[in-house]
């Protein structure tokens, strides 16, 4: 029997390796859906192995929108994401599809549900300016600059978070006001009911999956993928794309800074730390269907409530 969706938006969330993509595909086999990726790494072209991007066969049969929409040197903000995701949601409803937003980037989900502050829009000239500053000075120095301008924002933003640091500095440069001054008066991007599904296997299981997956990536040519990226003169280690888990460690290896065994150890540790951050954020969600293991019937029943 066809599911009556009544313009409901599905958030399919979970930490890395929790099985979100598999569940999204199972749902697409049950009824008409539009899968919308909520992942700040899958947006980049040419970064397939290290991001665990669904392969071409899967993407052809079950298209995931908002994958491969940027070059690794491009800037892509949460504002850009909310604009693009909202357009995809509208297209889904126009086509009588159920929009399923699937991924692990918590800030993107939060921005969609609760909105973003009204900040000055970035432009090519500004992006170029701050990308050059990032390349010449590095994240730590720019974070120190931010401390002087906007201590409140600097305390919230990690000194290695290049994207958020440069955005905070850019906001001040464009508007003359700090990010902290401008934040507030948020409004949800989505004007439809949201139903949340969280996949949360046991932590020990997630850790095993993380290790197994990264070893598989190494065997499937991950270092070759990063070597190709390094040939692009526009890329450097301070860009958000190259700071993605795994890519940062591989970049260091190719620079001769660490050994091959260290790539594996450091990347697995960094992925587990990411998993912990994602899990901590998801624990604050009180209005979601929480599943330790995929149960398609339970999910279908929840969607149809």
C-alpha atoms as a PDB file:
ATOM      1  CA  UNK A   1       0.000   0.000   0.000  1.00  0.00           C
ATOM      2  CA  UNK A   2       1.497   3.433  -0.906  1.00  0.00           C
ATOM      3  CA  UNK A   3       2.656   5.503   2.030  1.00  0.00           C
ATOM      4  CA  UNK A   4       0.822   8.797   2.502  1.00  0.00           C
ATOM      5  CA  UNK A   5       3.615  11.227   3.193  1.00  0.00           C
ATOM      6  CA  UNK A   6       1.623  14.457   3.658  1.00  0.00           C
ATOM      7  CA  UNK A   7       4.678  16.601   2.956  1.00  0.00           C
ATOM      8  CA  UNK A   8       6.761  15.233   5.805  1.00  0.00           C
ATOM      9  CA  UNK A   9      10.549  15.607   5.789  1.00  0.00           C
ATOM     10  CA  UNK A  10      12.612  12.673   7.055  1.00  0.00           C
ATOM     11  CA  UNK A  11      15.921  13.205   8.850  1.00  0.00           C
ATOM     12  CA  UNK A  12      17.896   9.936   8.718  1.00  0.00           C
ATOM     13  CA  UNK A  13      20.800  10.496  11.080  1.00  0.00           C
ATOM     14  CA  UNK A  14      23.556   8.528  12.748  1.00  0.00           C
ATOM     15  CA  UNK A  15      27.286   8.474  13.399  1.00  0.00           C
ATOM     16  CA  UNK A  16      29.739   7.359  10.735  1.00  0.00           C
ATOM     17  CA  UNK A  17      29.435   3.657   9.685  1.00  0.00           C
ATOM     18  CA  UNK A  18      26.029   3.304  11.379  1.00  0.00           C
ATOM     19  CA  UNK A  19      24.309   2.062   8.200  1.00  0.00           C
ATOM     20  CA  UNK A  20      22.404   5.174   7.115  1.00  0.00           C
ATOM     21  CA  UNK A  21      22.937   4.679   3.373  1.00  0.00           C
ATOM     22  CA  UNK A  22      21.732   1.064   3.481  1.00  0.00           C
ATOM     23  CA  UNK A  23      18.560   2.084   5.315  1.00  0.00           C
ATOM     24  CA  UNK A  24      17.947   4.950   2.880  1.00  0.00           C
ATOM     25  CA  UNK A  25      18.175   2.486  -0.010  1.00  0.00           C
ATOM     26  CA  UNK A  26      15.779   0.081   1.729  1.00  0.00           C
ATOM     27  CA  UNK A  27      13.287   2.905   2.097  1.00  0.00           C
ATOM     28  CA  UNK A  28      13.702   3.810  -1.586  1.00  0.00           C
ATOM     29  CA  UNK A  29      12.790   0.231  -2.440  1.00  0.00           C
ATOM     30  CA  UNK A  30       9.516   0.624  -0.554  1.00  0.00           C
ATOM     31  CA  UNK A  31       8.206   3.858  -2.047  1.00  0.00           C
ATOM     32  CA  UNK A  32       9.063   6.955  -4.045  1.00  0.00           C
ATOM     33  CA  UNK A  33      11.786   8.987  -2.356  1.00  0.00           C
ATOM     34  CA  UNK A  34      14.306  11.735  -3.008  1.00  0.00           C
ATOM     35  CA  UNK A  35      17.564  11.059  -1.162  1.00  0.00           C
ATOM     36  CA  UNK A  36      19.353  14.255  -0.122  1.00  0.00           C
ATOM     37  CA  UNK A  37      22.871  13.947   1.274  1.00  0.00           C
ATOM     38  CA  UNK A  38      23.648  15.804   4.508  1.00  0.00           C
ATOM     39  CA  UNK A  39      27.398  15.306   4.499  1.00  0.00           C
ATOM     40  CA  UNK A  40      30.053  18.030   4.361  1.00  0.00           C
ATOM     41  CA  UNK A  41      32.604  15.647   2.784  1.00  0.00           C
ATOM     42  CA  UNK A  42      30.448  14.010   0.089  1.00  0.00           C
ATOM     43  CA  UNK A  43      29.938  17.386  -1.594  1.00  0.00           C
ATOM     44  CA  UNK A  44      33.460  17.227  -3.079  1.00  0.00           C
ATOM     45  CA  UNK A  45      34.272  15.820  -6.508  1.00  0.00           C
ATOM     46  CA  UNK A  46      37.223  13.467  -6.735  1.00  0.00           C
ATOM     47  CA  UNK A  47      36.993  12.511  -3.060  1.00  0.00           C
ATOM     48  CA  UNK A  48      35.273   9.159  -3.322  1.00  0.00           C
ATOM     49  CA  UNK A  49      37.248   6.450  -1.540  1.00  0.00           C
ATOM     50  CA  UNK A  50      38.169   8.364   1.614  1.00  0.00           C
ATOM     51  CA  UNK A  51      34.654   9.729   2.139  1.00  0.00           C
ATOM     52  CA  UNK A  52      33.038   6.295   1.690  1.00  0.00           C
ATOM     53  CA  UNK A  53      30.898   7.775  -1.055  1.00  0.00           C
ATOM     54  CA  UNK A  54      28.291   5.342  -2.423  1.00  0.00           C
ATOM     55  CA  UNK A  55      29.652   3.789  -5.604  1.00  0.00           C
ATOM     56  CA  UNK A  56      28.512   4.739  -9.106  1.00  0.00           C
ATOM     57  CA  UNK A  57      26.237   1.693  -9.439  1.00  0.00           C
ATOM     58  CA  UNK A  58      24.336   2.609  -6.277  1.00  0.00           C
ATOM     59  CA  UNK A  59      24.179   6.312  -7.173  1.00  0.00           C
ATOM     60  CA  UNK A  60      22.817   5.501 -10.625  1.00  0.00           C
ATOM     61  CA  UNK A  61      20.068   3.301  -9.211  1.00  0.00           C
ATOM     62  CA  UNK A  62      19.428   5.382  -6.087  1.00  0.00           C
ATOM     63  CA  UNK A  63      20.521   8.985  -6.815  1.00  0.00           C
ATOM     64  CA  UNK A  64      21.748  10.972  -3.823  1.00  0.00           C
ATOM     65  CA  UNK A  65      21.373  14.690  -4.375  1.00  0.00           C
ATOM     66  CA  UNK A  66      23.988  17.183  -3.100  1.00  0.00           C
ATOM     67  CA  UNK A  67      26.850  14.755  -3.752  1.00  0.00           C
ATOM     68  CA  UNK A  68      29.706  15.862  -6.066  1.00  0.00           C
ATOM     69  CA  UNK A  69      28.544  19.472  -6.248  1.00  0.00           C
ATOM     70  CA  UNK A  70      31.875  21.206  -5.432  1.00  0.00           C
ATOM     71  CA  UNK A  71      35.526  21.040  -6.323  1.00  0.00           C
ATOM     72  CA  UNK A  72      37.767  20.435  -3.283  1.00  0.00           C
ATOM     73  CA  UNK A  73      39.103  23.995  -3.446  1.00  0.00           C
ATOM     74  CA  UNK A  74      35.608  25.514  -3.419  1.00  0.00           C
ATOM     75  CA  UNK A  75      34.032  27.129  -0.377  1.00  0.00           C
ATOM     76  CA  UNK A  76      30.651  25.719   0.666  1.00  0.00           C
ATOM     77  CA  UNK A  77      28.896  27.024   3.759  1.00  0.00           C
ATOM     78  CA  UNK A  78      25.994  25.886   5.908  1.00  0.00           C
ATOM     79  CA  UNK A  79      24.014  28.701   4.282  1.00  0.00           C
ATOM     80  CA  UNK A  80      24.768  27.214   0.840  1.00  0.00           C
ATOM     81  CA  UNK A  81      23.662  23.823   2.107  1.00  0.00           C
ATOM     82  CA  UNK A  82      20.352  25.038   3.537  1.00  0.00           C
ATOM     83  CA  UNK A  83      19.572  26.830   0.275  1.00  0.00           C
ATOM     84  CA  UNK A  84      20.365  23.735  -1.815  1.00  0.00           C
ATOM     85  CA  UNK A  85      18.634  21.284   0.526  1.00  0.00           C
ATOM     86  CA  UNK A  86      15.490  23.409   0.689  1.00  0.00           C
ATOM     87  CA  UNK A  87      15.361  23.471  -3.125  1.00  0.00           C
ATOM     88  CA  UNK A  88      15.643  19.677  -3.169  1.00  0.00           C
ATOM     89  CA  UNK A  89      12.846  19.328  -0.600  1.00  0.00           C
ATOM     90  CA  UNK A  90      10.569  21.521  -2.719  1.00  0.00           C
ATOM     91  CA  UNK A  91      11.391  19.441  -5.803  1.00  0.00           C
ATOM     92  CA  UNK A  92      10.593  16.260  -3.873  1.00  0.00           C
ATOM     93  CA  UNK A  93       7.140  17.485  -2.908  1.00  0.00           C
ATOM     94  CA  UNK A  94       6.482  18.764  -6.437  1.00  0.00           C
ATOM     95  CA  UNK A  95       7.246  15.240  -7.699  1.00  0.00           C
ATOM     96  CA  UNK A  96       5.234  13.547  -4.937  1.00  0.00           C
ATOM     97  CA  UNK A  97       8.445  12.137  -3.452  1.00  0.00           C
ATOM     98  CA  UNK A  98       9.313  11.707   0.217  1.00  0.00           C
ATOM     99  CA  UNK A  99      12.461  13.771   0.961  1.00  0.00           C
ATOM    100  CA  UNK A 100      14.915  11.753   3.035  1.00  0.00           C
ATOM    101  CA  UNK A 101      17.843  13.790   4.285  1.00  0.00           C
ATOM    102  CA  UNK A 102      20.561  11.293   5.115  1.00  0.00           C
ATOM    103  CA  UNK A 103      23.966  11.940   6.608  1.00  0.00           C
ATOM    104  CA  UNK A 104      26.082  12.692   9.641  1.00  0.00           C
ATOM    105  CA  UNK A 105      26.847  16.424   9.487  1.00  0.00           C
ATOM    106  CA  UNK A 106      25.010  17.628  12.577  1.00  0.00           C
ATOM    107  CA  UNK A 107      25.502  21.344  11.891  1.00  0.00           C
ATOM    108  CA  UNK A 108      23.723  20.999   8.539  1.00  0.00           C
ATOM    109  CA  UNK A 109      20.749  19.242  10.144  1.00  0.00           C
ATOM    110  CA  UNK A 110      20.649  21.849  12.915  1.00  0.00           C
ATOM    111  CA  UNK A 111      20.775  24.705  10.399  1.00  0.00           C
ATOM    112  CA  UNK A 112      17.836  23.257   8.468  1.00  0.00           C
ATOM    113  CA  UNK A 113      15.693  22.706  11.537  1.00  0.00           C
ATOM    114  CA  UNK A 114      16.513  25.854  13.506  1.00  0.00           C
ATOM    115  CA  UNK A 115      17.786  28.242  10.850  1.00  0.00           C
ATOM    116  CA  UNK A 116      20.869  30.402  10.557  1.00  0.00           C
ATOM    117  CA  UNK A 117      21.625  33.923  11.597  1.00  0.00           C
ATOM    118  CA  UNK A 118      21.255  36.619   8.942  1.00  0.00           C
ATOM    119  CA  UNK A 119      24.865  37.050   7.937  1.00  0.00           C
ATOM    120  CA  UNK A 120      26.433  38.887   4.999  1.00  0.00           C
ATOM    121  CA  UNK A 121      26.667  36.669   1.949  1.00  0.00           C
ATOM    122  CA  UNK A 122      30.103  35.609   0.820  1.00  0.00           C
ATOM    123  CA  UNK A 123      31.356  36.577  -2.635  1.00  0.00           C
ATOM    124  CA  UNK A 124      34.174  35.355  -4.912  1.00  0.00           C
ATOM    125  CA  UNK A 125      36.493  38.258  -4.025  1.00  0.00           C
ATOM    126  CA  UNK A 126      36.014  37.708  -0.308  1.00  0.00           C
ATOM    127  CA  UNK A 127      36.404  33.935  -0.595  1.00  0.00           C
ATOM    128  CA  UNK A 128      39.653  34.377  -2.495  1.00  0.00           C
ATOM    129  CA  UNK A 129      40.976  36.835   0.102  1.00  0.00           C
ATOM    130  CA  UNK A 130      40.381  34.523   3.059  1.00  0.00           C
ATOM    131  CA  UNK A 131      41.520  31.376   1.258  1.00  0.00           C
ATOM    132  CA  UNK A 132      44.808  33.151   0.552  1.00  0.00           C
ATOM    133  CA  UNK A 133      45.085  34.279   4.184  1.00  0.00           C
ATOM    134  CA  UNK A 134      44.419  30.713   5.294  1.00  0.00           C
ATOM    135  CA  UNK A 135      47.119  29.395   2.987  1.00  0.00           C
ATOM    136  CA  UNK A 136      49.713  31.989   4.026  1.00  0.00           C
ATOM    137  CA  UNK A 137      49.038  32.241   7.774  1.00  0.00           C
ATOM    138  CA  UNK A 138      47.372  28.948   8.747  1.00  0.00           C
ATOM    139  CA  UNK A 139      44.411  28.251  11.006  1.00  0.00           C
ATOM    140  CA  UNK A 140      46.134  28.888  14.359  1.00  0.00           C
ATOM    141  CA  UNK A 141      47.202  32.427  13.423  1.00  0.00           C
ATOM    142  CA  UNK A 142      43.761  33.246  12.017  1.00  0.00           C
ATOM    143  CA  UNK A 143      42.163  31.887  15.177  1.00  0.00           C
ATOM    144  CA  UNK A 144      44.323  34.289  17.189  1.00  0.00           C
ATOM    145  CA  UNK A 145      43.094  37.144  14.967  1.00  0.00           C
ATOM    146  CA  UNK A 146      39.520  36.058  15.625  1.00  0.00           C
ATOM    147  CA  UNK A 147      40.174  36.078  19.390  1.00  0.00           C
ATOM    148  CA  UNK A 148      41.019  39.771  19.173  1.00  0.00           C
ATOM    149  CA  UNK A 149      37.966  40.610  17.049  1.00  0.00           C
ATOM    150  CA  UNK A 150      35.337  38.262  18.491  1.00  0.00           C
ATOM    151  CA  UNK A 151      36.481  36.395  21.642  1.00  0.00           C
ATOM    152  CA  UNK A 152      33.048  34.809  22.091  1.00  0.00           C
ATOM    153  CA  UNK A 153      33.114  33.191  18.650  1.00  0.00           C
ATOM    154  CA  UNK A 154      36.770  32.187  19.073  1.00  0.00           C
ATOM    155  CA  UNK A 155      35.880  30.323  22.264  1.00  0.00           C
ATOM    156  CA  UNK A 156      33.192  28.361  20.417  1.00  0.00           C
ATOM    157  CA  UNK A 157      35.282  27.554  17.341  1.00  0.00           C
ATOM    158  CA  UNK A 158      38.123  25.027  17.494  1.00  0.00           C
ATOM    159  CA  UNK A 159      41.527  26.488  16.486  1.00  0.00           C
ATOM    160  CA  UNK A 160      41.772  23.903  13.665  1.00  0.00           C
ATOM    161  CA  UNK A 161      38.307  24.552  12.226  1.00  0.00           C
ATOM    162  CA  UNK A 162      39.478  26.486   9.166  1.00  0.00           C
ATOM    163  CA  UNK A 163      36.062  26.880   7.563  1.00  0.00           C
ATOM    164  CA  UNK A 164      34.320  28.401  10.581  1.00  0.00           C
ATOM    165  CA  UNK A 165      37.306  30.590  11.502  1.00  0.00           C
ATOM    166  CA  UNK A 166      37.558  32.123   8.036  1.00  0.00           C
ATOM    167  CA  UNK A 167      33.783  32.578   7.862  1.00  0.00           C
ATOM    168  CA  UNK A 168      33.743  34.446  11.183  1.00  0.00           C
ATOM    169  CA  UNK A 169      36.549  36.719   9.991  1.00  0.00           C
ATOM    170  CA  UNK A 170      34.818  37.197   6.646  1.00  0.00           C
ATOM    171  CA  UNK A 171      31.564  38.232   8.364  1.00  0.00           C
ATOM    172  CA  UNK A 172      33.412  40.939  10.279  1.00  0.00           C
ATOM    173  CA  UNK A 173      35.267  42.052   7.155  1.00  0.00           C
ATOM    174  CA  UNK A 174      32.057  42.361   5.120  1.00  0.00           C
ATOM    175  CA  UNK A 175      29.737  43.848   7.739  1.00  0.00           C
ATOM    176  CA  UNK A 176      31.903  45.570  10.339  1.00  0.00           C
ATOM    177  CA  UNK A 177      30.042  43.530  12.964  1.00  0.00           C
ATOM    178  CA  UNK A 178      31.174  40.361  14.698  1.00  0.00           C
ATOM    179  CA  UNK A 179      29.591  36.981  14.171  1.00  0.00           C
ATOM    180  CA  UNK A 180      28.459  37.008  17.811  1.00  0.00           C
ATOM    181  CA  UNK A 181      26.691  40.350  17.342  1.00  0.00           C
ATOM    182  CA  UNK A 182      24.826  39.144  14.266  1.00  0.00           C
ATOM    183  CA  UNK A 183      23.741  35.765  15.534  1.00  0.00           C
ATOM    184  CA  UNK A 184      20.161  35.453  16.699  1.00  0.00           C
ATOM    185  CA  UNK A 185      16.661  35.776  15.232  1.00  0.00           C
ATOM    186  CA  UNK A 186      16.908  32.351  13.667  1.00  0.00           C
ATOM    187  CA  UNK A 187      14.034  30.852  11.724  1.00  0.00           C
ATOM    188  CA  UNK A 188      13.620  27.257  10.533  1.00  0.00           C
ATOM    189  CA  UNK A 189      14.347  26.682   6.864  1.00  0.00           C
ATOM    190  CA  UNK A 190      11.786  23.872   6.664  1.00  0.00           C
ATOM    191  CA  UNK A 191       8.098  24.730   6.907  1.00  0.00           C
ATOM    192  CA  UNK A 192       6.937  21.103   7.080  1.00  0.00           C
ATOM    193  CA  UNK A 193       6.776  18.416   9.779  1.00  0.00           C
ATOM    194  CA  UNK A 194      10.090  16.660  10.425  1.00  0.00           C
ATOM    195  CA  UNK A 195      10.409  13.027  11.505  1.00  0.00           C
ATOM    196  CA  UNK A 196      13.810  11.922  12.773  1.00  0.00           C
ATOM    197  CA  UNK A 197      15.292   8.448  12.616  1.00  0.00           C
ATOM    198  CA  UNK A 198      18.597   7.801  14.376  1.00  0.00           C
ATOM    199  CA  UNK A 199      20.729   4.727  13.788  1.00  0.00           C
ATOM    200  CA  UNK A 200      22.956   4.189  16.815  1.00  0.00           C
ATOM    201  CA  UNK A 201      24.723   0.809  17.022  1.00  0.00           C
ATOM    202  CA  UNK A 202      26.830  -0.041  20.074  1.00  0.00           C
ATOM    203  CA  UNK A 203      30.057   1.966  20.241  1.00  0.00           C
ATOM    204  CA  UNK A 204      32.199  -1.198  20.153  1.00  0.00           C
ATOM    205  CA  UNK A 205      30.451  -2.224  16.921  1.00  0.00           C
ATOM    206  CA  UNK A 206      31.004   1.210  15.398  1.00  0.00           C
ATOM    207  CA  UNK A 207      34.694   1.084  16.307  1.00  0.00           C
ATOM    208  CA  UNK A 208      35.084  -2.288  14.592  1.00  0.00           C
ATOM    209  CA  UNK A 209      33.318  -1.011  11.483  1.00  0.00           C
ATOM    210  CA  UNK A 210      35.471   2.129  11.384  1.00  0.00           C
ATOM    211  CA  UNK A 211      38.694   0.115  11.469  1.00  0.00           C
ATOM    212  CA  UNK A 212      37.466  -2.396   8.888  1.00  0.00           C
ATOM    213  CA  UNK A 213      36.276   0.346   6.542  1.00  0.00           C
ATOM    214  CA  UNK A 214      39.484   2.362   6.679  1.00  0.00           C
ATOM    215  CA  UNK A 215      41.633  -0.703   6.013  1.00  0.00           C
ATOM    216  CA  UNK A 216      39.357  -1.430   3.048  1.00  0.00           C
ATOM    217  CA  UNK A 217      39.831   2.145   1.800  1.00  0.00           C
ATOM    218  CA  UNK A 218      43.604   1.732   1.955  1.00  0.00           C
ATOM    219  CA  UNK A 219      43.322  -1.477  -0.044  1.00  0.00           C
ATOM    220  CA  UNK A 220      41.065   0.195  -2.622  1.00  0.00           C
ATOM    221  CA  UNK A 221      43.485   2.953  -3.614  1.00  0.00           C
ATOM    222  CA  UNK A 222      42.878   5.738  -1.103  1.00  0.00           C
ATOM    223  CA  UNK A 223      46.488   6.953  -1.194  1.00  0.00           C
ATOM    224  CA  UNK A 224      46.330   7.112  -4.988  1.00  0.00           C
ATOM    225  CA  UNK A 225      43.218   9.268  -4.720  1.00  0.00           C
ATOM    226  CA  UNK A 226      45.026  11.703  -2.415  1.00  0.00           C
ATOM    227  CA  UNK A 227      48.093  11.732  -4.692  1.00  0.00           C
ATOM    228  CA  UNK A 228      45.818  12.894  -7.505  1.00  0.00           C
ATOM    229  CA  UNK A 229      44.392  15.625  -5.284  1.00  0.00           C
ATOM    230  CA  UNK A 230      47.906  16.806  -4.413  1.00  0.00           C
ATOM    231  CA  UNK A 231      48.561  17.467  -8.094  1.00  0.00           C
ATOM    232  CA  UNK A 232      45.986  20.265  -7.935  1.00  0.00           C
ATOM    233  CA  UNK A 233      47.957  23.463  -7.168  1.00  0.00           C
ATOM    234  CA  UNK A 234      44.856  25.063  -5.648  1.00  0.00           C
ATOM    235  CA  UNK A 235      44.729  22.549  -2.811  1.00  0.00           C
ATOM    236  CA  UNK A 236      46.546  22.802   0.510  1.00  0.00           C
ATOM    237  CA  UNK A 237      46.255  21.173   3.911  1.00  0.00           C
ATOM    238  CA  UNK A 238      44.277  24.008   5.506  1.00  0.00           C
ATOM    239  CA  UNK A 239      41.283  23.729   3.183  1.00  0.00           C
ATOM    240  CA  UNK A 240      38.136  22.127   4.669  1.00  0.00           C
ATOM    241  CA  UNK A 241      38.223  19.372   2.026  1.00  0.00           C
ATOM    242  CA  UNK A 242      41.758  18.299   2.891  1.00  0.00           C
ATOM    243  CA  UNK A 243      41.042  18.538   6.616  1.00  0.00           C
ATOM    244  CA  UNK A 244      38.433  15.787   6.260  1.00  0.00           C
ATOM    245  CA  UNK A 245      39.207  12.727   8.374  1.00  0.00           C
ATOM    246  CA  UNK A 246      41.646  10.446   6.571  1.00  0.00           C
ATOM    247  CA  UNK A 247      42.637  13.002   3.950  1.00  0.00           C
ATOM    248  CA  UNK A 248      44.556  15.080   6.474  1.00  0.00           C
ATOM    249  CA  UNK A 249      46.585  12.028   7.570  1.00  0.00           C
ATOM    250  CA  UNK A 250      47.193  10.865   3.990  1.00  0.00           C
ATOM    251  CA  UNK A 251      48.334  14.380   3.039  1.00  0.00           C
ATOM    252  CA  UNK A 252      50.815  14.330   5.928  1.00  0.00           C
ATOM    253  CA  UNK A 253      52.118  10.941   4.777  1.00  0.00           C
ATOM    254  CA  UNK A 254      52.604  12.139   1.219  1.00  0.00           C
ATOM    255  CA  UNK A 255      54.454  15.161   2.605  1.00  0.00           C
ATOM    256  CA  UNK A 256      56.800  12.758   4.397  1.00  0.00           C
ATOM    257  CA  UNK A 257      55.632  13.897   7.834  1.00  0.00           C
ATOM    258  CA  UNK A 258      54.352  10.513   9.070  1.00  0.00           C
ATOM    259  CA  UNK A 259      54.791   6.862   8.125  1.00  0.00           C
ATOM    260  CA  UNK A 260      52.251   4.550   6.531  1.00  0.00           C
ATOM    261  CA  UNK A 261      51.440   2.763   9.779  1.00  0.00           C
ATOM    262  CA  UNK A 262      50.742   6.137  11.385  1.00  0.00           C
ATOM    263  CA  UNK A 263      48.203   7.034   8.672  1.00  0.00           C
ATOM    264  CA  UNK A 264      46.141   4.015   9.599  1.00  0.00           C
ATOM    265  CA  UNK A 265      46.433   4.566  13.339  1.00  0.00           C
ATOM    266  CA  UNK A 266      45.807   8.322  13.242  1.00  0.00           C
ATOM    267  CA  UNK A 267      42.946   8.121  10.723  1.00  0.00           C
ATOM    268  CA  UNK A 268      41.145   5.419  12.691  1.00  0.00           C
ATOM    269  CA  UNK A 269      41.546   7.385  15.935  1.00  0.00           C
ATOM    270  CA  UNK A 270      40.325  10.594  14.247  1.00  0.00           C
ATOM    271  CA  UNK A 271      37.299   8.764  12.788  1.00  0.00           C
ATOM    272  CA  UNK A 272      36.425   7.324  16.176  1.00  0.00           C
ATOM    273  CA  UNK A 273      36.654  10.819  17.666  1.00  0.00           C
ATOM    274  CA  UNK A 274      34.312  12.084  14.924  1.00  0.00           C
ATOM    275  CA  UNK A 275      31.955   9.203  15.718  1.00  0.00           C
ATOM    276  CA  UNK A 276      31.963  10.187  19.395  1.00  0.00           C
ATOM    277  CA  UNK A 277      31.153  13.843  18.585  1.00  0.00           C
ATOM    278  CA  UNK A 278      28.320  12.789  16.283  1.00  0.00           C
ATOM    279  CA  UNK A 279      26.932  10.387  18.901  1.00  0.00           C
ATOM    280  CA  UNK A 280      27.077  13.030  21.636  1.00  0.00           C
ATOM    281  CA  UNK A 281      25.104  15.480  19.506  1.00  0.00           C
ATOM    282  CA  UNK A 282      22.529  12.849  18.570  1.00  0.00           C
ATOM    283  CA  UNK A 283      21.919  11.981  22.227  1.00  0.00           C
ATOM    284  CA  UNK A 284      20.367  15.436  22.630  1.00  0.00           C
ATOM    285  CA  UNK A 285      17.629  14.510  20.136  1.00  0.00           C
ATOM    286  CA  UNK A 286      14.601  13.521  22.218  1.00  0.00           C
ATOM    287  CA  UNK A 287      11.914  13.317  19.521  1.00  0.00           C
ATOM    288  CA  UNK A 288      13.430  10.671  17.248  1.00  0.00           C
ATOM    289  CA  UNK A 289      13.013   6.970  16.525  1.00  0.00           C
ATOM    290  CA  UNK A 290      16.233   5.528  17.959  1.00  0.00           C
ATOM    291  CA  UNK A 291      17.393   2.208  16.506  1.00  0.00           C
ATOM    292  CA  UNK A 292      20.393   0.141  17.483  1.00  0.00           C
ATOM    293  CA  UNK A 293      19.912  -2.060  14.419  1.00  0.00           C
ATOM    294  CA  UNK A 294      18.048  -1.432  11.171  1.00  0.00           C
ATOM    295  CA  UNK A 295      14.426  -2.511  11.398  1.00  0.00           C
ATOM    296  CA  UNK A 296      12.716  -1.504   8.163  1.00  0.00           C
ATOM    297  CA  UNK A 297       9.216  -2.342   9.378  1.00  0.00           C
ATOM    298  CA  UNK A 298       9.636  -0.258  12.515  1.00  0.00           C
ATOM    299  CA  UNK A 299      10.861   2.634  10.378  1.00  0.00           C
ATOM    300  CA  UNK A 300       7.917   2.347   7.982  1.00  0.00           C
ATOM    301  CA  UNK A 301       5.464   2.257  10.896  1.00  0.00           C
ATOM    302  CA  UNK A 302       7.115   5.360  12.380  1.00  0.00           C
ATOM    303  CA  UNK A 303       6.954   7.289   9.101  1.00  0.00           C
ATOM    304  CA  UNK A 304       3.256   6.480   8.688  1.00  0.00           C
ATOM    305  CA  UNK A 305       2.237   7.498  12.229  1.00  0.00           C
END
